[in-house]
Amino acid sequence: MTNARELALRVLQATDAGRSKSDTLLHQALRENTMERNDRALATSIVYGVLRYRILLDFVIGRFYHHDIAKAAPVLLNILRIGTFQLLYHDKVPGWAAVNECVKLARKYKGERMAKLVNGVLRKINTDSVRLDEWLREKEEAEKLSILFSHPRWLVERWLLSYGREKCRCMLEYDNRPPLFGFRTNRLKTTAADFLSNPLFSGIDREECPLDHFFFSGDFSVFETSLNEGLLSVQNPTQALACLLLNPFPGSTVLDLCAAPGGKSTLLAEMMGNKGSITSLDLYEQKLLKLANHARALGISIIETRAADARIFQPEQQP
């Protein structure tokens, strides 16, 4: 049975290999592995945390790993990143647990010699031994900020030149905040208040939204079952504003150009009470297939998808 850290390691390895985007790989891995809610949250936190702080993590590891880090085996480096991230940024995980679990991973994937190396490096890393102010003191401003906020140096240099030090630093800090996911409850089946009153979601960090039927949460995995059941859609409220301005009524006829991935089309259908007609256009058939599948899960039957280029008028394809 795959645990949270091993799942995170596999996702990071696949991401580095370029197999797909990290979020796609993570969601696929979470679907394929049965885990408790806390373990799913830990795996998600590790994957996104390691990716978010990779430059800084590699810099810290390099202070304690007395070999050329660029030549380290990819799986070793990702195990060290996973451990270092937990030791420095995950206060809910005891230090001994972070070290021991990473040692087990190293032993499983690379043998006893690598396990001893991981143990030796990670046991030296803690909030007291990591002295970033001292280590970065002599570095140029762009390199210092690049390491501290884990952003590419070329981007930091551009922002420093364009906006100055203070604004650049604020942008870097903001960019590193863990994102909140926007969720929309399916008004054909439930309301946000009724949905969130479910005891399953008690204690979940979430934020209310001024728009009805929307809410925010940093925890995606806990809502995956509801997404599959058609009770929810993932949608940022700002993406819904065009639909709210249109304010269609039941029985309306709507043409949605550039419709994929389907957030606007499905929201319009929900606002129309699944009565009327919506034609959803996009260039790519594969994207429209996902839109149609999502609409079906939501209980929507009034959407017709068409693969077409909205820039080219084709009389025979008029709704």
Protein backbone atom coordinates (compact mmCIF):
# COMPACT_ATOMS: atom_id res chain seq x y z
CA MET A 1 0.00 0.00 0.00
CA THR A 2 1.41 3.40 -1.03
CA ASN A 3 1.69 5.95 1.78
CA ALA A 4 1.50 9.74 1.46
CA ARG A 5 5.24 10.33 1.08
CA GLU A 6 5.76 7.58 -1.47
CA LEU A 7 2.81 8.84 -3.50
CA ALA A 8 4.30 12.34 -3.38
CA LEU A 9 7.68 10.94 -4.50
CA ARG A 10 6.13 9.15 -7.47
CA VAL A 11 4.26 12.28 -8.53
CA LEU A 12 7.41 14.40 -8.28
CA GLN A 13 9.41 11.83 -10.26
CA ALA A 14 6.76 11.72 -12.98
CA THR A 15 6.58 15.52 -13.06
CA ASP A 16 10.35 15.78 -13.48
CA ALA A 17 10.18 13.22 -16.29
CA GLY A 18 7.68 15.46 -18.09
CA ARG A 19 4.90 12.87 -18.21
CA SER A 20 2.22 15.45 -17.48
CA LYS A 21 1.46 18.48 -15.33
CA SER A 22 1.90 18.03 -11.60
CA ASP A 23 -1.76 18.65 -10.74
CA THR A 24 -2.94 16.11 -13.30
CA LEU A 25 -0.48 13.50 -12.02
CA LEU A 26 -1.39 14.17 -8.39
CA HIS A 27 -5.14 13.91 -8.94
CA GLN A 28 -4.66 10.70 -10.92
CA ALA A 29 -2.49 9.21 -8.16
CA LEU A 30 -5.02 10.16 -5.47
CA ARG A 31 -7.82 8.54 -7.46
CA GLU A 32 -5.85 5.32 -7.88
CA ASN A 33 -4.79 5.00 -4.22
CA THR A 34 -7.16 4.67 -1.26
CA MET A 35 -6.02 6.94 1.57
CA GLU A 36 -7.38 8.58 4.68
CA ARG A 37 -8.20 12.27 4.34
CA ASN A 38 -5.16 13.33 6.39
CA ASP A 39 -2.80 11.28 4.22
CA ARG A 40 -4.29 12.71 1.03
CA ALA A 41 -3.81 16.21 2.43
CA LEU A 42 -0.21 15.41 3.41
CA ALA A 43 0.64 14.05 -0.04
CA THR A 44 -0.89 17.12 -1.68
CA SER A 45 0.96 19.47 0.66
CA ILE A 46 4.30 17.75 0.01
CA VAL A 47 3.96 17.74 -3.79
CA TYR A 48 3.00 21.39 -4.07
CA GLY A 49 5.36 22.45 -1.29
CA VAL A 50 8.39 20.80 -2.88
CA LEU A 51 7.56 22.32 -6.26
CA ARG A 52 6.93 25.75 -4.74
CA TYR A 53 10.16 25.85 -2.71
CA ARG A 54 12.43 23.74 -4.90
CA ILE A 55 15.18 26.33 -5.41
CA LEU A 56 15.38 27.07 -1.69
CA LEU A 57 15.22 23.38 -0.74
CA ASP A 58 18.09 22.56 -3.11
CA PHE A 59 20.11 25.44 -1.69
CA VAL A 60 19.61 24.18 1.88
CA ILE A 61 20.31 20.56 0.94
CA GLY A 62 23.51 21.69 -0.77
CA ARG A 63 24.83 23.06 2.54
CA PHE A 64 24.63 19.60 4.14
CA TYR A 65 25.05 17.24 1.19
CA HIS A 66 28.80 17.14 0.64
CA HIS A 67 28.75 16.04 -2.97
CA ASP A 68 27.78 17.69 -6.25
CA ILE A 69 24.01 18.03 -5.87
CA ALA A 70 23.62 18.42 -9.65
CA LYS A 71 24.92 14.85 -10.06
CA ALA A 72 22.66 13.32 -7.38
CA ALA A 73 20.25 10.63 -8.53
CA PRO A 74 16.84 12.24 -9.20
CA VAL A 75 15.04 9.93 -6.77
CA LEU A 76 17.59 10.72 -4.03
CA LEU A 77 17.22 14.44 -4.58
CA ASN A 78 13.43 14.27 -4.44
CA ILE A 79 13.53 12.22 -1.23
CA LEU A 80 15.83 14.85 0.32
CA ARG A 81 13.49 17.60 -0.90
CA ILE A 82 10.50 15.84 0.64
CA GLY A 83 12.29 15.50 3.97
CA THR A 84 13.68 19.03 4.00
CA PHE A 85 10.30 20.55 3.13
CA GLN A 86 8.67 18.74 6.05
CA LEU A 87 11.45 19.67 8.47
CA LEU A 88 11.34 23.38 7.60
CA TYR A 89 7.74 24.07 6.59
CA HIS A 90 5.45 21.35 7.93
CA ASP A 91 5.07 21.89 11.67
CA LYS A 92 2.32 19.25 11.89
CA VAL A 93 4.86 16.53 11.06
CA PRO A 94 7.34 15.59 13.84
CA GLY A 95 10.95 15.86 12.72
CA TRP A 96 11.75 12.25 13.59
CA ALA A 97 8.82 11.04 11.47
CA ALA A 98 9.89 13.11 8.47
CA VAL A 99 13.43 11.70 8.68
CA ASN A 100 12.45 8.08 9.34
CA GLU A 101 9.91 7.91 6.52
CA CYS A 102 12.37 9.39 4.04
CA VAL A 103 15.03 6.90 5.15
CA LYS A 104 12.55 4.08 4.46
CA LEU A 105 11.87 5.50 1.00
CA ALA A 106 15.59 5.71 0.24
CA ARG A 107 16.11 2.12 1.40
CA LYS A 108 13.22 0.90 -0.77
CA TYR A 109 14.29 2.71 -3.93
CA LYS A 110 18.11 2.87 -3.69
CA GLY A 111 19.26 0.48 -0.95
CA GLU A 112 20.93 0.68 2.46
CA ARG A 113 23.83 2.91 1.40
CA MET A 114 21.45 5.59 0.16
CA ALA A 115 19.28 5.22 3.26
CA LYS A 116 22.29 6.02 5.46
CA LEU A 117 23.12 9.05 3.30
CA VAL A 118 19.55 10.40 3.57
CA ASN A 119 19.58 9.82 7.32
CA GLY A 120 22.89 11.65 7.70
CA VAL A 121 21.79 14.68 5.68
CA LEU A 122 18.28 15.11 7.07
CA ARG A 123 19.32 14.73 10.72
CA LYS A 124 21.47 17.84 10.30
CA ILE A 125 18.62 19.96 8.94
CA ASN A 126 16.36 21.87 11.32
CA THR A 127 15.17 25.42 11.88
CA ASP A 128 18.23 26.15 14.03
CA SER A 129 20.89 24.75 11.70
CA VAL A 130 19.47 26.50 8.62
CA ARG A 131 20.87 30.04 8.79
CA LEU A 132 19.59 31.68 5.63
CA ASP A 133 20.41 35.25 6.68
CA GLU A 134 24.03 34.30 7.21
CA TRP A 135 24.32 32.18 4.07
CA LEU A 136 22.71 34.78 1.80
CA ARG A 137 24.35 37.88 3.26
CA GLU A 138 27.10 38.19 0.66
CA LYS A 139 25.01 37.30 -2.39
CA GLU A 140 23.70 39.77 -4.96
CA GLU A 141 20.13 40.96 -4.44
CA ALA A 142 18.68 39.06 -7.40
CA GLU A 143 20.31 35.77 -6.39
CA LYS A 144 19.34 36.28 -2.75
CA LEU A 145 15.67 36.85 -3.57
CA SER A 146 15.70 34.04 -6.13
CA ILE A 147 16.83 31.55 -3.47
CA LEU A 148 14.75 32.95 -0.63
CA PHE A 149 11.49 32.88 -2.61
CA SER A 150 12.33 30.02 -5.01
CA HIS A 151 11.77 31.98 -8.20
CA PRO A 152 13.97 31.87 -11.33
CA ARG A 153 16.74 34.43 -11.18
CA TRP A 154 15.88 35.86 -14.62
CA LEU A 155 12.36 36.63 -13.41
CA VAL A 156 13.59 38.24 -10.19
CA GLU A 157 16.01 40.40 -12.18
CA ARG A 158 13.19 41.51 -14.49
CA TRP A 159 10.90 42.39 -11.57
CA LEU A 160 13.67 44.24 -9.74
CA LEU A 161 14.33 46.31 -12.84
CA SER A 162 10.65 46.97 -13.53
CA TYR A 163 9.24 47.46 -10.03
CA GLY A 164 12.07 48.01 -7.56
CA ARG A 165 13.09 45.97 -4.51
CA GLU A 166 10.09 46.46 -2.21
CA LYS A 167 7.40 45.80 -4.81
CA CYS A 168 9.39 42.87 -6.21
CA ARG A 169 9.64 41.31 -2.75
CA CYS A 170 5.90 41.76 -2.16
CA MET A 171 5.13 40.08 -5.48
CA LEU A 172 7.41 37.16 -4.64
CA GLU A 173 5.82 36.72 -1.21
CA TYR A 174 2.32 36.81 -2.67
CA ASP A 175 3.26 34.40 -5.44
CA ASN A 176 4.34 31.82 -2.84
CA ARG A 177 1.06 31.79 -0.93
CA PRO A 178 -0.69 28.42 -1.25
CA PRO A 179 -3.63 28.99 -3.59
CA LEU A 180 -7.24 28.59 -2.62
CA PHE A 181 -9.41 26.54 -4.96
CA GLY A 182 -12.71 28.02 -6.07
CA PHE A 183 -15.66 25.61 -5.91
CA ARG A 184 -19.18 26.05 -7.28
CA THR A 185 -22.06 24.02 -5.89
CA ASN A 186 -24.45 22.58 -8.44
CA ARG A 187 -27.68 24.51 -7.88
CA LEU A 188 -29.60 21.78 -9.70
CA LYS A 189 -28.80 19.47 -6.78
CA THR A 190 -27.86 21.52 -3.71
CA THR A 191 -26.86 24.88 -2.26
CA ALA A 192 -23.53 25.95 -0.80
CA ALA A 193 -25.04 26.18 2.70
CA ASP A 194 -26.60 22.71 2.54
CA PHE A 195 -23.52 21.17 0.96
CA LEU A 196 -21.09 22.57 3.54
CA SER A 197 -23.37 21.58 6.44
CA ASN A 198 -22.41 17.95 5.76
CA PRO A 199 -20.51 16.63 8.85
CA LEU A 200 -17.89 15.18 6.47
CA PHE A 201 -16.63 18.71 5.85
CA SER A 202 -16.52 19.92 9.45
CA GLY A 203 -13.10 21.27 10.36
CA ILE A 204 -12.11 21.81 6.72
CA ASP A 205 -10.47 25.18 6.13
CA ARG A 206 -12.66 27.18 3.79
CA GLU A 207 -13.66 30.75 3.02
CA GLU A 208 -17.03 32.12 2.07
CA CYS A 209 -17.52 33.92 -1.24
CA PRO A 210 -19.74 36.97 -1.82
CA LEU A 211 -21.27 35.16 -4.80
CA ASP A 212 -23.99 32.62 -4.08
CA HIS A 213 -23.12 28.97 -4.74
CA PHE A 214 -19.35 29.59 -4.50
CA PHE A 215 -16.78 28.99 -1.76
CA PHE A 216 -12.99 28.68 -1.43
CA SER A 217 -10.84 25.99 0.15
CA GLY A 218 -7.17 25.09 0.13
CA ASP A 219 -8.04 21.40 0.40
CA PHE A 220 -8.91 19.90 -2.98
CA SER A 221 -8.73 16.20 -2.23
CA VAL A 222 -11.51 16.19 0.38
CA PHE A 223 -14.01 17.35 -2.25
CA GLU A 224 -13.03 14.92 -5.03
CA THR A 225 -15.88 12.50 -4.33
CA SER A 226 -18.40 15.36 -4.48
CA LEU A 227 -16.87 16.50 -7.78
CA ASN A 228 -17.27 13.02 -9.23
CA GLU A 229 -20.87 12.88 -8.00
CA GLY A 230 -21.75 16.13 -9.76
CA LEU A 231 -22.40 18.14 -6.61
CA LEU A 232 -19.48 20.49 -7.31
CA SER A 233 -17.47 22.08 -10.08
CA VAL A 234 -14.04 23.69 -9.80
CA GLN A 235 -14.41 27.30 -10.87
CA ASN A 236 -12.94 30.60 -9.74
CA PRO A 237 -15.77 33.08 -9.11
CA THR A 238 -14.13 35.64 -11.42
CA GLN A 239 -14.64 33.18 -14.30
CA ALA A 240 -18.37 33.24 -13.56
CA LEU A 241 -18.85 37.00 -13.87
CA ALA A 242 -19.65 36.92 -17.59
CA CYS A 243 -22.41 34.38 -16.91
CA LEU A 244 -23.82 36.44 -14.06
CA LEU A 245 -23.86 39.55 -16.26
CA LEU A 246 -25.66 37.63 -19.00
CA ASN A 247 -28.16 36.36 -16.40
CA PRO A 248 -29.97 33.88 -18.68
CA PHE A 249 -33.47 32.69 -17.86
CA PRO A 250 -34.91 29.18 -18.24
CA GLY A 251 -35.63 28.53 -21.91
CA SER A 252 -32.85 30.81 -23.22
CA THR A 253 -30.75 29.95 -26.28
CA VAL A 254 -27.05 30.53 -25.62
CA LEU A 255 -23.92 30.22 -27.77
CA ASP A 256 -20.69 29.76 -25.77
CA LEU A 257 -17.58 30.30 -27.89
CA CYS A 258 -14.23 28.91 -26.65
CA ALA A 259 -16.26 26.81 -24.22
CA ALA A 260 -13.70 24.32 -22.86
CA PRO A 261 -13.16 23.27 -20.15
CA GLY A 262 -16.85 24.00 -19.58
CA GLY A 263 -17.15 26.16 -16.48
CA LYS A 264 -19.21 28.84 -18.20
CA SER A 265 -21.43 26.44 -20.15
CA THR A 266 -22.31 24.32 -17.13
CA LEU A 267 -22.92 27.37 -14.92
CA LEU A 268 -25.25 28.83 -17.56
CA ALA A 269 -27.13 25.53 -17.70
CA GLU A 270 -27.50 25.50 -13.93
CA MET A 271 -28.72 29.12 -13.95
CA MET A 272 -31.26 28.17 -16.63
CA GLY A 273 -32.56 25.28 -14.53
CA ASN A 274 -31.46 22.86 -17.27
CA LYS A 275 -34.17 24.30 -19.55
CA GLY A 276 -33.35 25.82 -22.94
CA SER A 277 -30.43 25.30 -25.30
CA ILE A 278 -26.67 25.88 -25.03
CA THR A 279 -24.28 25.32 -27.94
CA SER A 280 -20.69 25.01 -26.70
CA LEU A 281 -17.93 25.53 -29.29
CA ASP A 282 -14.25 24.78 -29.02
CA LEU A 283 -11.46 23.92 -31.43
CA TYR A 284 -10.57 20.61 -29.83
CA GLU A 285 -12.83 17.55 -29.74
CA GLN A 286 -10.97 16.04 -26.77
CA LYS A 287 -11.66 19.10 -24.62
CA LEU A 288 -15.32 19.01 -25.60
CA LEU A 289 -15.51 15.35 -24.59
CA LYS A 290 -14.40 16.30 -21.07
CA LEU A 291 -16.98 19.10 -21.06
CA ALA A 292 -19.74 16.69 -22.07
CA ASN A 293 -18.72 14.15 -19.42
CA HIS A 294 -18.70 16.83 -16.72
CA ALA A 295 -22.11 18.12 -17.82
CA ARG A 296 -23.48 14.58 -17.64
CA ALA A 297 -22.16 14.19 -14.08
CA LEU A 298 -23.87 17.46 -13.12
CA GLY A 299 -27.19 16.22 -14.50
CA ILE A 300 -27.19 18.72 -17.39
CA SER A 301 -28.81 17.69 -20.67
CA ILE A 302 -29.21 20.97 -22.61
CA ILE A 303 -25.60 21.40 -23.77
CA GLU A 304 -24.66 20.48 -27.34
CA THR A 305 -20.92 20.50 -28.08
CA ARG A 306 -19.40 21.29 -31.48
CA ALA A 307 -15.76 21.26 -32.55
CA ALA A 308 -15.45 24.39 -34.67
CA ASP A 309 -13.44 27.58 -35.13
CA ALA A 310 -15.57 30.54 -34.04
CA ARG A 311 -13.50 32.81 -36.32
CA ILE A 312 -14.74 31.00 -39.44
CA PHE A 313 -18.43 31.36 -40.32
CA GLN A 314 -19.99 28.11 -41.48
CA PRO A 315 -23.70 28.57 -42.32
CA GLU A 316 -24.38 24.84 -42.20
CA GLN A 317 -23.31 24.79 -38.53
CA GLN A 318 -25.70 27.49 -37.34
CA PRO A 319 -27.57 26.43 -34.18
